[in-house]
């Protein structure tokens, strides 16, 4: 679902860019009717892009809130990162968030962090 939303945002952004490139030519020609239609379409595209981005942020926020509710979290050491499979097997319910992912950026993480229902 996330990929579909990203693709839809990209498609709408591309359409908006195309309209932005057409605008100067229409301004020069002085065709008020076409210019009005173009501006109206730009406005609808802009609002739709903003709506889709907000939906995406809300979904991320729900996931971030779920992780914040987990009682234990700590930075994952380099040694643990090297053997992530063993760590995940030893700690049931462990969720690891990388700082470069959208979720990690939203949560302002500086290092790879693990969230779990029990201490680890």
PDB file of N, CA and C in Angstrom:
ATOM      1  N   UNK A   1       0.825  -1.193   0.000  1.00  0.00           N
ATOM      2  CA  UNK A   1       0.000   0.000   0.000  1.00  0.00           C
ATOM      3  C   UNK A   1       0.873   1.262   0.000  1.00  0.00           C
ATOM      4  N   UNK A   2       1.975   1.219   0.754  1.00  0.00           N
ATOM      5  CA  UNK A   2       2.850   2.379   0.832  1.00  0.00           C
ATOM      6  C   UNK A   2       3.405   2.728  -0.549  1.00  0.00           C
ATOM      7  N   UNK A   3       3.777   1.693  -1.302  1.00  0.00           N
ATOM      8  CA  UNK A   3       4.346   1.934  -2.632  1.00  0.00           C
ATOM      9  C   UNK A   3       3.311   2.564  -3.550  1.00  0.00           C
ATOM     10  N   UNK A   4       2.051   2.135  -3.428  1.00  0.00           N
ATOM     11  CA  UNK A   4       0.993   2.713  -4.248  1.00  0.00           C
ATOM     12  C   UNK A   4       0.827   4.194  -3.927  1.00  0.00           C
ATOM     13  N   UNK A   5       0.846   4.519  -2.644  1.00  0.00           N
ATOM     14  CA  UNK A   5       0.700   5.916  -2.243  1.00  0.00           C
ATOM     15  C   UNK A   5       1.860   6.748  -2.759  1.00  0.00           C
ATOM     16  N   UNK A   6       3.083   6.215  -2.645  1.00  0.00           N
ATOM     17  CA  UNK A   6       4.257   6.929  -3.149  1.00  0.00           C
ATOM     18  C   UNK A   6       4.144   7.143  -4.650  1.00  0.00           C
ATOM     19  N   UNK A   7       3.718   6.097  -5.364  1.00  0.00           N
ATOM     20  CA  UNK A   7       3.588   6.186  -6.821  1.00  0.00           C
ATOM     21  C   UNK A   7       2.529   7.215  -7.198  1.00  0.00           C
ATOM     22  N   UNK A   8       1.431   7.241  -6.464  1.00  0.00           N
ATOM     23  CA  UNK A   8       0.358   8.194  -6.750  1.00  0.00           C
ATOM     24  C   UNK A   8       0.833   9.631  -6.494  1.00  0.00           C
ATOM     25  N   UNK A   9       1.552   9.840  -5.393  1.00  0.00           N
ATOM     26  CA  UNK A   9       2.090  11.173  -5.099  1.00  0.00           C
ATOM     27  C   UNK A   9       3.055  11.598  -6.197  1.00  0.00           C
ATOM     28  N   UNK A  10       3.907  10.673  -6.641  1.00  0.00           N
ATOM     29  CA  UNK A  10       4.872  10.986  -7.698  1.00  0.00           C
ATOM     30  C   UNK A  10       4.153  11.325  -9.000  1.00  0.00           C
ATOM     31  N   UNK A  11       3.127  10.542  -9.344  1.00  0.00           N
ATOM     32  CA  UNK A  11       2.385  10.785 -10.586  1.00  0.00           C
ATOM     33  C   UNK A  11       1.736  12.171 -10.555  1.00  0.00           C
ATOM     34  N   UNK A  12       1.102  12.505  -9.432  1.00  0.00           N
ATOM     35  CA  UNK A  12       0.459  13.819  -9.316  1.00  0.00           C
ATOM     36  C   UNK A  12       1.492  14.947  -9.336  1.00  0.00           C
ATOM     37  N   UNK A  13       2.639  14.722  -8.712  1.00  0.00           N
ATOM     38  CA  UNK A  13       3.701  15.739  -8.720  1.00  0.00           C
ATOM     39  C   UNK A  13       4.226  15.962 -10.135  1.00  0.00           C
ATOM     40  N   UNK A  14       4.352  14.877 -10.893  1.00  0.00           N
ATOM     41  CA  UNK A  14       4.794  15.003 -12.284  1.00  0.00           C
ATOM     42  C   UNK A  14       3.788  15.797 -13.110  1.00  0.00           C
ATOM     43  N   UNK A  15       2.501  15.534 -12.880  1.00  0.00           N
ATOM     44  CA  UNK A  15       1.463  16.292 -13.590  1.00  0.00           C
ATOM     45  C   UNK A  15       1.544  17.777 -13.232  1.00  0.00           C
ATOM     46  N   UNK A  16       1.765  18.048 -11.955  1.00  0.00           N
ATOM     47  CA  UNK A  16       1.870  19.429 -11.493  1.00  0.00           C
ATOM     48  C   UNK A  16       3.074  20.122 -12.134  1.00  0.00           C
ATOM     49  N   UNK A  17       4.200  19.413 -12.231  1.00  0.00           N
ATOM     50  CA  UNK A  17       5.382  19.968 -12.889  1.00  0.00           C
ATOM     51  C   UNK A  17       5.094  20.295 -14.355  1.00  0.00           C
ATOM     52  N   UNK A  18       4.378  19.394 -15.032  1.00  0.00           N
ATOM     53  CA  UNK A  18       4.042  19.625 -16.436  1.00  0.00           C
ATOM     54  C   UNK A  18       3.175  20.880 -16.577  1.00  0.00           C
ATOM     55  N   UNK A  19       2.230  21.048 -15.672  1.00  0.00           N
ATOM     56  CA  UNK A  19       1.375  22.243 -15.716  1.00  0.00           C
ATOM     57  C   UNK A  19       2.184  23.502 -15.439  1.00  0.00           C
ATOM     58  N   UNK A  20       3.133  23.411 -14.513  1.00  0.00           N
ATOM     59  CA  UNK A  20       3.979  24.566 -14.208  1.00  0.00           C
ATOM     60  C   UNK A  20       4.812  24.975 -15.424  1.00  0.00           C
ATOM     61  N   UNK A  21       5.217  23.995 -16.236  1.00  0.00           N
ATOM     62  CA  UNK A  21       5.989  24.324 -17.442  1.00  0.00           C
ATOM     63  C   UNK A  21       5.108  24.940 -18.526  1.00  0.00           C
ATOM     64  N   UNK A  22       3.830  24.579 -18.555  1.00  0.00           N
ATOM     65  CA  UNK A  22       2.904  25.130 -19.560  1.00  0.00           C
ATOM     66  C   UNK A  22       2.485  26.566 -19.226  1.00  0.00           C
ATOM     67  N   UNK A  23       2.490  26.908 -17.957  1.00  0.00           N
ATOM     68  CA  UNK A  23       1.956  28.193 -17.505  1.00  0.00           C
ATOM     69  C   UNK A  23       2.597  29.408 -18.186  1.00  0.00           C
ATOM     70  N   UNK A  24       3.929  29.518 -18.290  1.00  0.00           N
ATOM     71  CA  UNK A  24       4.506  30.715 -18.921  1.00  0.00           C
ATOM     72  C   UNK A  24       4.059  30.903 -20.367  1.00  0.00           C
ATOM     73  N   UNK A  25       3.923  29.812 -21.117  1.00  0.00           N
ATOM     74  CA  UNK A  25       3.487  29.919 -22.518  1.00  0.00           C
ATOM     75  C   UNK A  25       2.059  30.448 -22.590  1.00  0.00           C
ATOM     76  N   UNK A  26       1.206  29.986 -21.676  1.00  0.00           N
ATOM     77  CA  UNK A  26      -0.179  30.464 -21.664  1.00  0.00           C
ATOM     78  C   UNK A  26      -0.249  31.927 -21.232  1.00  0.00           C
ATOM     79  N   UNK A  27       0.620  32.335 -20.324  1.00  0.00           N
ATOM     80  CA  UNK A  27       0.644  33.740 -19.901  1.00  0.00           C
ATOM     81  C   UNK A  27       1.021  34.646 -21.079  1.00  0.00           C
ATOM     82  N   UNK A  28       1.998  34.195 -21.874  1.00  0.00           N
ATOM     83  CA  UNK A  28       2.424  34.983 -23.035  1.00  0.00           C
ATOM     84  C   UNK A  28       1.331  35.076 -24.085  1.00  0.00           C
ATOM     85  N   UNK A  29       0.627  33.962 -24.294  1.00  0.00           N
ATOM     86  CA  UNK A  29      -0.416  33.961 -25.330  1.00  0.00           C
ATOM     87  C   UNK A  29      -1.636  34.767 -24.904  1.00  0.00           C
ATOM     88  N   UNK A  30      -1.829  34.911 -23.599  1.00  0.00           N
ATOM     89  CA  UNK A  30      -2.935  35.722 -23.105  1.00  0.00           C
ATOM     90  C   UNK A  30      -4.272  35.008 -23.159  1.00  0.00           C
ATOM     91  N   UNK A  31      -4.290  33.696 -23.290  1.00  0.00           N
ATOM     92  CA  UNK A  31      -5.525  32.921 -23.330  1.00  0.00           C
ATOM     93  C   UNK A  31      -6.040  32.729 -21.907  1.00  0.00           C
ATOM     94  N   UNK A  32      -6.939  33.619 -21.491  1.00  0.00           N
ATOM     95  CA  UNK A  32      -7.405  33.630 -20.109  1.00  0.00           C
ATOM     96  C   UNK A  32      -8.204  32.377 -19.759  1.00  0.00           C
ATOM     97  N   UNK A  33      -8.948  31.858 -20.720  1.00  0.00           N
ATOM     98  CA  UNK A  33      -9.780  30.687 -20.467  1.00  0.00           C
ATOM     99  C   UNK A  33      -8.921  29.465 -20.133  1.00  0.00           C
ATOM    100  N   UNK A  34      -7.915  29.228 -20.978  1.00  0.00           N
ATOM    101  CA  UNK A  34      -7.023  28.083 -20.747  1.00  0.00           C
ATOM    102  C   UNK A  34      -6.192  28.286 -19.481  1.00  0.00           C
ATOM    103  N   UNK A  35      -5.783  29.529 -19.244  1.00  0.00           N
ATOM    104  CA  UNK A  35      -4.993  29.828 -18.052  1.00  0.00           C
ATOM    105  C   UNK A  35      -5.809  29.569 -16.787  1.00  0.00           C
ATOM    106  N   UNK A  36      -7.060  29.975 -16.795  1.00  0.00           N
ATOM    107  CA  UNK A  36      -7.941  29.740 -15.648  1.00  0.00           C
ATOM    108  C   UNK A  36      -8.114  28.256 -15.378  1.00  0.00           C
ATOM    109  N   UNK A  37      -8.309  27.471 -16.445  1.00  0.00           N
ATOM    110  CA  UNK A  37      -8.456  26.021 -16.295  1.00  0.00           C
ATOM    111  C   UNK A  37      -7.167  25.412 -15.741  1.00  0.00           C
ATOM    112  N   UNK A  38      -6.029  25.902 -16.225  1.00  0.00           N
ATOM    113  CA  UNK A  38      -4.731  25.397 -15.776  1.00  0.00           C
ATOM    114  C   UNK A  38      -4.538  25.686 -14.288  1.00  0.00           C
ATOM    115  N   UNK A  39      -4.844  26.901 -13.876  1.00  0.00           N
ATOM    116  CA  UNK A  39      -4.674  27.265 -12.467  1.00  0.00           C
ATOM    117  C   UNK A  39      -5.600  26.447 -11.563  1.00  0.00           C
ATOM    118  N   UNK A  40      -6.811  26.198 -12.038  1.00  0.00           N
ATOM    119  CA  UNK A  40      -7.762  25.406 -11.262  1.00  0.00           C
ATOM    120  C   UNK A  40      -7.259  23.966 -11.118  1.00  0.00           C
ATOM    121  N   UNK A  41      -6.739  23.410 -12.200  1.00  0.00           N
ATOM    122  CA  UNK A  41      -6.207  22.047 -12.168  1.00  0.00           C
ATOM    123  C   UNK A  41      -4.982  21.962 -11.250  1.00  0.00           C
ATOM    124  N   UNK A  42      -4.123  23.006 -11.305  1.00  0.00           N
ATOM    125  CA  UNK A  42      -2.950  23.036 -10.421  1.00  0.00           C
ATOM    126  C   UNK A  42      -3.382  23.022  -8.964  1.00  0.00           C
ATOM    127  N   UNK A  43      -4.429  23.787  -8.652  1.00  0.00           N
ATOM    128  CA  UNK A  43      -4.914  23.865  -7.280  1.00  0.00           C
ATOM    129  C   UNK A  43      -5.450  22.512  -6.807  1.00  0.00           C
ATOM    130  N   UNK A  44      -6.212  21.826  -7.661  1.00  0.00           N
ATOM    131  CA  UNK A  44      -6.753  20.521  -7.269  1.00  0.00           C
ATOM    132  C   UNK A  44      -5.630  19.497  -7.087  1.00  0.00           C
ATOM    133  N   UNK A  45      -4.625  19.529  -7.970  1.00  0.00           N
ATOM    134  CA  UNK A  45      -3.493  18.611  -7.837  1.00  0.00           C
ATOM    135  C   UNK A  45      -2.734  18.870  -6.538  1.00  0.00           C
ATOM    136  N   UNK A  46      -2.526  20.138  -6.230  1.00  0.00           N
ATOM    137  CA  UNK A  46      -1.800  20.507  -5.015  1.00  0.00           C
ATOM    138  C   UNK A  46      -2.534  20.014  -3.767  1.00  0.00           C
ATOM    139  N   UNK A  47      -3.842  20.210  -3.721  1.00  0.00           N
ATOM    140  CA  UNK A  47      -4.603  19.768  -2.546  1.00  0.00           C
ATOM    141  C   UNK A  47      -4.606  18.247  -2.432  1.00  0.00           C
ATOM    142  N   UNK A  48      -4.691  17.541  -3.557  1.00  0.00           N
ATOM    143  CA  UNK A  48      -4.688  16.081  -3.533  1.00  0.00           C
ATOM    144  C   UNK A  48      -3.330  15.541  -3.071  1.00  0.00           C
ATOM    145  N   UNK A  49      -2.242  16.143  -3.552  1.00  0.00           N
ATOM    146  CA  UNK A  49      -0.896  15.737  -3.128  1.00  0.00           C
ATOM    147  C   UNK A  49      -0.745  15.945  -1.624  1.00  0.00           C
ATOM    148  N   UNK A  50      -1.202  17.086  -1.145  1.00  0.00           N
ATOM    149  CA  UNK A  50      -1.105  17.394   0.289  1.00  0.00           C
ATOM    150  C   UNK A  50      -1.918  16.398   1.106  1.00  0.00           C
ATOM    151  N   UNK A  51      -3.106  16.045   0.625  1.00  0.00           N
ATOM    152  CA  UNK A  51      -3.961  15.083   1.330  1.00  0.00           C
ATOM    153  C   UNK A  51      -3.280  13.717   1.415  1.00  0.00           C
ATOM    154  N   UNK A  52      -2.702  13.261   0.294  1.00  0.00           N
ATOM    155  CA  UNK A  52      -2.026  11.963   0.276  1.00  0.00           C
ATOM    156  C   UNK A  52      -0.820  11.949   1.209  1.00  0.00           C
ATOM    157  N   UNK A  53      -0.086  13.049   1.239  1.00  0.00           N
ATOM    158  CA  UNK A  53       1.079  13.127   2.136  1.00  0.00           C
ATOM    159  C   UNK A  53       0.640  13.075   3.596  1.00  0.00           C
ATOM    160  N   UNK A  54      -0.472  13.753   3.917  1.00  0.00           N
ATOM    161  CA  UNK A  54      -0.975  13.741   5.291  1.00  0.00           C
ATOM    162  C   UNK A  54      -1.432  12.345   5.695  1.00  0.00           C
ATOM    163  N   UNK A  55      -2.070  11.623   4.777  1.00  0.00           N
ATOM    164  CA  UNK A  55      -2.498  10.254   5.058  1.00  0.00           C
ATOM    165  C   UNK A  55      -1.280   9.400   5.365  1.00  0.00           C
ATOM    166  N   UNK A  56      -0.231   9.567   4.575  1.00  0.00           N
ATOM    167  CA  UNK A  56       0.997   8.800   4.759  1.00  0.00           C
ATOM    168  C   UNK A  56       1.632   9.105   6.120  1.00  0.00           C
ATOM    169  N   UNK A  57       1.652  10.374   6.493  1.00  0.00           N
ATOM    170  CA  UNK A  57       2.235  10.781   7.779  1.00  0.00           C
ATOM    171  C   UNK A  57       1.406  10.219   8.936  1.00  0.00           C
ATOM    172  N   UNK A  58       0.082  10.221   8.803  1.00  0.00           N
ATOM    173  CA  UNK A  58      -0.767   9.683   9.867  1.00  0.00           C
ATOM    174  C   UNK A  58      -0.505   8.198  10.065  1.00  0.00           C
ATOM    175  N   UNK A  59      -0.320   7.461   8.962  1.00  0.00           N
ATOM    176  CA  UNK A  59      -0.023   6.032   9.082  1.00  0.00           C
ATOM    177  C   UNK A  59       1.304   5.836   9.797  1.00  0.00           C
ATOM    178  N   UNK A  60       2.295   6.630   9.438  1.00  0.00           N
ATOM    179  CA  UNK A  60       3.585   6.539  10.118  1.00  0.00           C
ATOM    180  C   UNK A  60       3.425   6.889  11.594  1.00  0.00           C
ATOM    181  N   UNK A  61       2.648   7.880  11.863  1.00  0.00           N
ATOM    182  CA  UNK A  61       2.481   8.309  13.242  1.00  0.00           C
ATOM    183  C   UNK A  61       1.852   7.212  14.083  1.00  0.00           C
ATOM    184  N   UNK A  62       0.882   6.484  13.536  1.00  0.00           N
ATOM    185  CA  UNK A  62       0.261   5.388  14.278  1.00  0.00           C
ATOM    186  C   UNK A  62       1.304   4.336  14.627  1.00  0.00           C
ATOM    187  N   UNK A  63       2.150   4.007  13.668  1.00  0.00           N
ATOM    188  CA  UNK A  63       3.186   3.007  13.915  1.00  0.00           C
ATOM    189  C   UNK A  63       4.194   3.520  14.943  1.00  0.00           C
ATOM    190  N   UNK A  64       4.562   4.788  14.832  1.00  0.00           N
ATOM    191  CA  UNK A  64       5.503   5.378  15.786  1.00  0.00           C
ATOM    192  C   UNK A  64       4.904   5.390  17.184  1.00  0.00           C
ATOM    193  N   UNK A  65       3.633   5.703  17.288  1.00  0.00           N
ATOM    194  CA  UNK A  65       2.978   5.715  18.596  1.00  0.00           C
ATOM    195  C   UNK A  65       2.945   4.314  19.196  1.00  0.00           C
ATOM    196  N   UNK A  66       2.704   3.310  18.346  1.00  0.00           N
ATOM    197  CA  UNK A  66       2.679   1.924  18.822  1.00  0.00           C
ATOM    198  C   UNK A  66       4.050   1.533  19.392  1.00  0.00           C
ATOM    199  N   UNK A  67       5.118   1.949  18.698  1.00  0.00           N
ATOM    200  CA  UNK A  67       6.470   1.626  19.169  1.00  0.00           C
ATOM    201  C   UNK A  67       6.799   2.363  20.466  1.00  0.00           C
ATOM    202  N   UNK A  68       6.371   3.619  20.553  1.00  0.00           N
ATOM    203  CA  UNK A  68       6.649   4.400  21.761  1.00  0.00           C
ATOM    204  C   UNK A  68       5.966   3.796  22.989  1.00  0.00           C
ATOM    205  N   UNK A  69       4.844   3.098  22.784  1.00  0.00           N
ATOM    206  CA  UNK A  69       4.122   2.486  23.905  1.00  0.00           C
ATOM    207  C   UNK A  69       4.825   1.239  24.434  1.00  0.00           C
ATOM    208  N   UNK A  70       5.700   0.638  23.613  1.00  0.00           N
ATOM    209  CA  UNK A  70       6.423  -0.541  24.089  1.00  0.00           C
ATOM    210  C   UNK A  70       7.321  -0.134  25.255  1.00  0.00           C
ATOM    211  N   UNK A  71       7.329  -0.926  26.319  1.00  0.00           N
ATOM    212  CA  UNK A  71       8.015  -0.500  27.546  1.00  0.00           C
ATOM    213  C   UNK A  71       9.539  -0.405  27.468  1.00  0.00           C
ATOM    214  N   UNK A  72      10.171  -1.174  26.572  1.00  0.00           N
ATOM    215  CA  UNK A  72      11.634  -1.167  26.544  1.00  0.00           C
ATOM    216  C   UNK A  72      12.166  -0.802  25.176  1.00  0.00           C
ATOM    217  N   UNK A  73      13.179   0.049  25.166  1.00  0.00           N
ATOM    218  CA  UNK A  73      13.879   0.380  23.923  1.00  0.00           C
ATOM    219  C   UNK A  73      15.311   0.747  24.255  1.00  0.00           C
ATOM    220  N   UNK A  74      16.195   0.402  23.314  1.00  0.00           N
ATOM    221  CA  UNK A  74      17.598   0.784  23.473  1.00  0.00           C
ATOM    222  C   UNK A  74      18.290   0.692  22.121  1.00  0.00           C
ATOM    223  N   UNK A  75      19.479   1.309  22.062  1.00  0.00           N
ATOM    224  CA  UNK A  75      20.284   1.303  20.846  1.00  0.00           C
ATOM    225  C   UNK A  75      20.835  -0.102  20.627  1.00  0.00           C
ATOM    226  N   UNK A  76      20.844  -0.545  19.380  1.00  0.00           N
ATOM    227  CA  UNK A  76      21.389  -1.857  19.021  1.00  0.00           C
ATOM    228  C   UNK A  76      22.891  -1.680  18.753  1.00  0.00           C
ATOM    229  N   UNK A  77      23.717  -2.451  19.447  1.00  0.00           N
ATOM    230  CA  UNK A  77      25.179  -2.325  19.296  1.00  0.00           C
ATOM    231  C   UNK A  77      25.623  -2.871  17.944  1.00  0.00           C
ATOM    232  N   UNK A  78      26.835  -2.506  17.538  1.00  0.00           N
ATOM    233  CA  UNK A  78      27.388  -2.982  16.256  1.00  0.00           C
ATOM    234  C   UNK A  78      27.481  -4.506  16.241  1.00  0.00           C
ATOM    235  N   UNK A  79      27.860  -5.088  17.372  1.00  0.00           N
ATOM    236  CA  UNK A  79      27.988  -6.544  17.461  1.00  0.00           C
ATOM    237  C   UNK A  79      26.620  -7.213  17.267  1.00  0.00           C
ATOM    238  N   UNK A  80      25.592  -6.622  17.868  1.00  0.00           N
ATOM    239  CA  UNK A  80      24.231  -7.153  17.716  1.00  0.00           C
ATOM    240  C   UNK A  80      23.735  -6.962  16.283  1.00  0.00           C
ATOM    241  N   UNK A  81      24.109  -5.836  15.672  1.00  0.00           N
ATOM    242  CA  UNK A  81      23.693  -5.584  14.290  1.00  0.00           C
ATOM    243  C   UNK A  81      24.295  -6.619  13.351  1.00  0.00           C
ATOM    244  N   UNK A  82      25.505  -7.074  13.663  1.00  0.00           N
ATOM    245  CA  UNK A  82      26.178  -8.050  12.817  1.00  0.00           C
ATOM    246  C   UNK A  82      25.450  -9.389  12.833  1.00  0.00           C
ATOM    247  N   UNK A  83      24.798  -9.713  13.937  1.00  0.00           N
ATOM    248  CA  UNK A  83      24.082 -10.977  14.043  1.00  0.00           C
ATOM    249  C   UNK A  83      22.617 -10.711  14.407  1.00  0.00           C
ATOM    250  N   UNK A  84      21.946  -9.989  13.541  1.00  0.00           N
ATOM    251  CA  UNK A  84      20.575  -9.546  13.802  1.00  0.00           C
ATOM    252  C   UNK A  84      19.607 -10.723  13.937  1.00  0.00           C
ATOM    253  N   UNK A  85      19.834 -11.793  13.165  1.00  0.00           N
ATOM    254  CA  UNK A  85      18.945 -12.959  13.225  1.00  0.00           C
ATOM    255  C   UNK A  85      18.916 -13.576  14.609  1.00  0.00           C
ATOM    256  N   UNK A  86      20.087 -13.754  15.199  1.00  0.00           N
ATOM    257  CA  UNK A  86      20.166 -14.337  16.538  1.00  0.00           C
ATOM    258  C   UNK A  86      19.509 -13.418  17.567  1.00  0.00           C
ATOM    259  N   UNK A  87      19.697 -12.112  17.407  1.00  0.00           N
ATOM    260  CA  UNK A  87      19.095 -11.155  18.342  1.00  0.00           C
ATOM    261  C   UNK A  87      17.572 -11.226  18.274  1.00  0.00           C
ATOM    262  N   UNK A  88      17.032 -11.252  17.056  1.00  0.00           N
ATOM    263  CA  UNK A  88      15.575 -11.300  16.908  1.00  0.00           C
ATOM    264  C   UNK A  88      14.998 -12.617  17.428  1.00  0.00           C
ATOM    265  N   UNK A  89      15.754 -13.706  17.314  1.00  0.00           N
ATOM    266  CA  UNK A  89      15.282 -14.991  17.841  1.00  0.00           C
ATOM    267  C   UNK A  89      15.297 -14.990  19.363  1.00  0.00           C
ATOM    268  N   UNK A  90      16.298 -14.352  19.947  1.00  0.00           N
ATOM    269  CA  UNK A  90      16.417 -14.352  21.408  1.00  0.00           C
ATOM    270  C   UNK A  90      15.436 -13.388  22.070  1.00  0.00           C
ATOM    271  N   UNK A  91      15.021 -12.348  21.366  1.00  0.00           N
ATOM    272  CA  UNK A  91      14.097 -11.355  21.936  1.00  0.00           C
ATOM    273  C   UNK A  91      12.799 -11.395  21.131  1.00  0.00           C
ATOM    274  N   UNK A  92      11.806 -12.051  21.681  1.00  0.00           N
ATOM    275  CA  UNK A  92      10.522 -12.154  20.990  1.00  0.00           C
ATOM    276  C   UNK A  92       9.827 -10.794  20.961  1.00  0.00           C
ATOM    277  N   UNK A  93       9.281 -10.451  19.817  1.00  0.00           N
ATOM    278  CA  UNK A  93       8.553  -9.189  19.677  1.00  0.00           C
ATOM    279  C   UNK A  93       9.443  -7.983  19.449  1.00  0.00           C
ATOM    280  N   UNK A  94      10.729  -8.214  19.182  1.00  0.00           N
ATOM    281  CA  UNK A  94      11.664  -7.110  18.952  1.00  0.00           C
ATOM    282  C   UNK A  94      11.375  -6.459  17.605  1.00  0.00           C
ATOM    283  N   UNK A  95      11.307  -5.143  17.598  1.00  0.00           N
ATOM    284  CA  UNK A  95      11.150  -4.376  16.369  1.00  0.00           C
ATOM    285  C   UNK A  95      12.341  -3.428  16.287  1.00  0.00           C
ATOM    286  N   UNK A  96      13.093  -3.539  15.199  1.00  0.00           N
ATOM    287  CA  UNK A  96      14.286  -2.714  15.014  1.00  0.00           C
ATOM    288  C   UNK A  96      13.968  -1.618  14.015  1.00  0.00           C
ATOM    289  N   UNK A  97      14.304  -0.377  14.363  1.00  0.00           N
ATOM    290  CA  UNK A  97      14.046   0.772  13.484  1.00  0.00           C
ATOM    291  C   UNK A  97      15.377   1.426  13.140  1.00  0.00           C
ATOM    292  N   UNK A  98      15.631   1.553  11.852  1.00  0.00           N
ATOM    293  CA  UNK A  98      16.858   2.194  11.370  1.00  0.00           C
ATOM    294  C   UNK A  98      16.610   3.697  11.242  1.00  0.00           C
ATOM    295  N   UNK A  99      17.568   4.533  11.580  1.00  0.00           N
ATOM    296  CA  UNK A  99      17.355   5.989  11.546  1.00  0.00           C
ATOM    297  C   UNK A  99      17.146   6.558  10.142  1.00  0.00           C
ATOM    298  N   UNK A 100      17.546   5.839   9.095  1.00  0.00           N
ATOM    299  CA  UNK A 100      17.407   6.372   7.740  1.00  0.00           C
ATOM    300  C   UNK A 100      16.057   6.036   7.103  1.00  0.00           C
ATOM    301  N   UNK A 101      15.241   5.206   7.761  1.00  0.00           N
ATOM    302  CA  UNK A 101      13.909   4.906   7.234  1.00  0.00           C
ATOM    303  C   UNK A 101      12.972   6.062   7.560  1.00  0.00           C
ATOM    304  N   UNK A 102      11.821   6.079   6.913  1.00  0.00           N
ATOM    305  CA  UNK A 102      10.853   7.146   7.161  1.00  0.00           C
ATOM    306  C   UNK A 102      10.422   7.148   8.623  1.00  0.00           C
ATOM    307  N   UNK A 103      10.198   5.960   9.166  1.00  0.00           N
ATOM    308  CA  UNK A 103       9.799   5.851  10.567  1.00  0.00           C
ATOM    309  C   UNK A 103      10.905   6.344  11.487  1.00  0.00           C
ATOM    310  N   UNK A 104      12.134   5.970  11.187  1.00  0.00           N
ATOM    311  CA  UNK A 104      13.274   6.415  11.986  1.00  0.00           C
ATOM    312  C   UNK A 104      13.454   7.918  11.941  1.00  0.00           C
ATOM    313  N   UNK A 105      13.266   8.503  10.762  1.00  0.00           N
ATOM    314  CA  UNK A 105      13.378   9.960  10.633  1.00  0.00           C
ATOM    315  C   UNK A 105      12.273  10.648  11.403  1.00  0.00           C
ATOM    316  N   UNK A 106      11.066  10.091  11.308  1.00  0.00           N
ATOM    317  CA  UNK A 106       9.942  10.691  12.020  1.00  0.00           C
ATOM    318  C   UNK A 106      10.174  10.678  13.529  1.00  0.00           C
ATOM    319  N   UNK A 107      10.765   9.587  14.014  1.00  0.00           N
ATOM    320  CA  UNK A 107      11.009   9.454  15.448  1.00  0.00           C
ATOM    321  C   UNK A 107      12.305  10.144  15.877  1.00  0.00           C
ATOM    322  N   UNK A 108      13.011  10.770  14.939  1.00  0.00           N
ATOM    323  CA  UNK A 108      14.271  11.474  15.198  1.00  0.00           C
ATOM    324  C   UNK A 108      15.316  10.572  15.841  1.00  0.00           C
ATOM    325  N   UNK A 109      15.447   9.355  15.324  1.00  0.00           N
ATOM    326  CA  UNK A 109      16.451   8.433  15.838  1.00  0.00           C
ATOM    327  C   UNK A 109      17.807   8.775  15.249  1.00  0.00           C
ATOM    328  N   UNK A 110      18.834   8.648  16.057  1.00  0.00           N
ATOM    329  CA  UNK A 110      20.201   8.900  15.597  1.00  0.00           C
ATOM    330  C   UNK A 110      20.947   7.599  15.342  1.00  0.00           C
ATOM    331  N   UNK A 111      20.510   6.503  16.009  1.00  0.00           N
ATOM    332  CA  UNK A 111      21.155   5.207  15.865  1.00  0.00           C
ATOM    333  C   UNK A 111      20.082   4.131  15.728  1.00  0.00           C
ATOM    334  N   UNK A 112      20.490   2.957  15.213  1.00  0.00           N
ATOM    335  CA  UNK A 112      19.561   1.846  15.081  1.00  0.00           C
ATOM    336  C   UNK A 112      19.063   1.473  16.480  1.00  0.00           C
ATOM    337  N   UNK A 113      17.733   1.435  16.626  1.00  0.00           N
ATOM    338  CA  UNK A 113      17.125   1.248  17.937  1.00  0.00           C
ATOM    339  C   UNK A 113      16.167   0.069  17.906  1.00  0.00           C
ATOM    340  N   UNK A 114      16.142  -0.687  18.992  1.00  0.00           N
ATOM    341  CA  UNK A 114      15.226  -1.807  19.118  1.00  0.00           C
ATOM    342  C   UNK A 114      14.144  -1.484  20.131  1.00  0.00           C
ATOM    343  N   UNK A 115      12.922  -1.892  19.816  1.00  0.00           N
ATOM    344  CA  UNK A 115      11.782  -1.712  20.717  1.00  0.00           C
ATOM    345  C   UNK A 115      11.214  -3.087  21.020  1.00  0.00           C
ATOM    346  N   UNK A 116      10.943  -3.388  22.296  1.00  0.00           N
ATOM    347  CA  UNK A 116      10.439  -4.694  22.660  1.00  0.00           C
ATOM    348  C   UNK A 116       9.521  -4.614  23.889  1.00  0.00           C
ATOM    349  N   UNK A 117       8.645  -5.598  24.025  1.00  0.00           N
ATOM    350  CA  UNK A 117       7.760  -5.618  25.198  1.00  0.00           C
ATOM    351  C   UNK A 117       8.474  -6.053  26.480  1.00  0.00           C
ATOM    352  N   UNK A 118       9.617  -6.734  26.349  1.00  0.00           N
ATOM    353  CA  UNK A 118      10.393  -7.193  27.518  1.00  0.00           C
ATOM    354  C   UNK A 118      11.815  -6.657  27.437  1.00  0.00           C
ATOM    355  N   UNK A 119      12.507  -6.555  28.568  1.00  0.00           N
ATOM    356  CA  UNK A 119      13.896  -6.059  28.526  1.00  0.00           C
ATOM    357  C   UNK A 119      14.788  -6.967  27.704  1.00  0.00           C
ATOM    358  N   UNK A 120      15.759  -6.362  27.025  1.00  0.00           N
ATOM    359  CA  UNK A 120      16.724  -7.145  26.245  1.00  0.00           C
ATOM    360  C   UNK A 120      18.094  -6.529  26.359  1.00  0.00           C
TER     361      UNK A 120
END
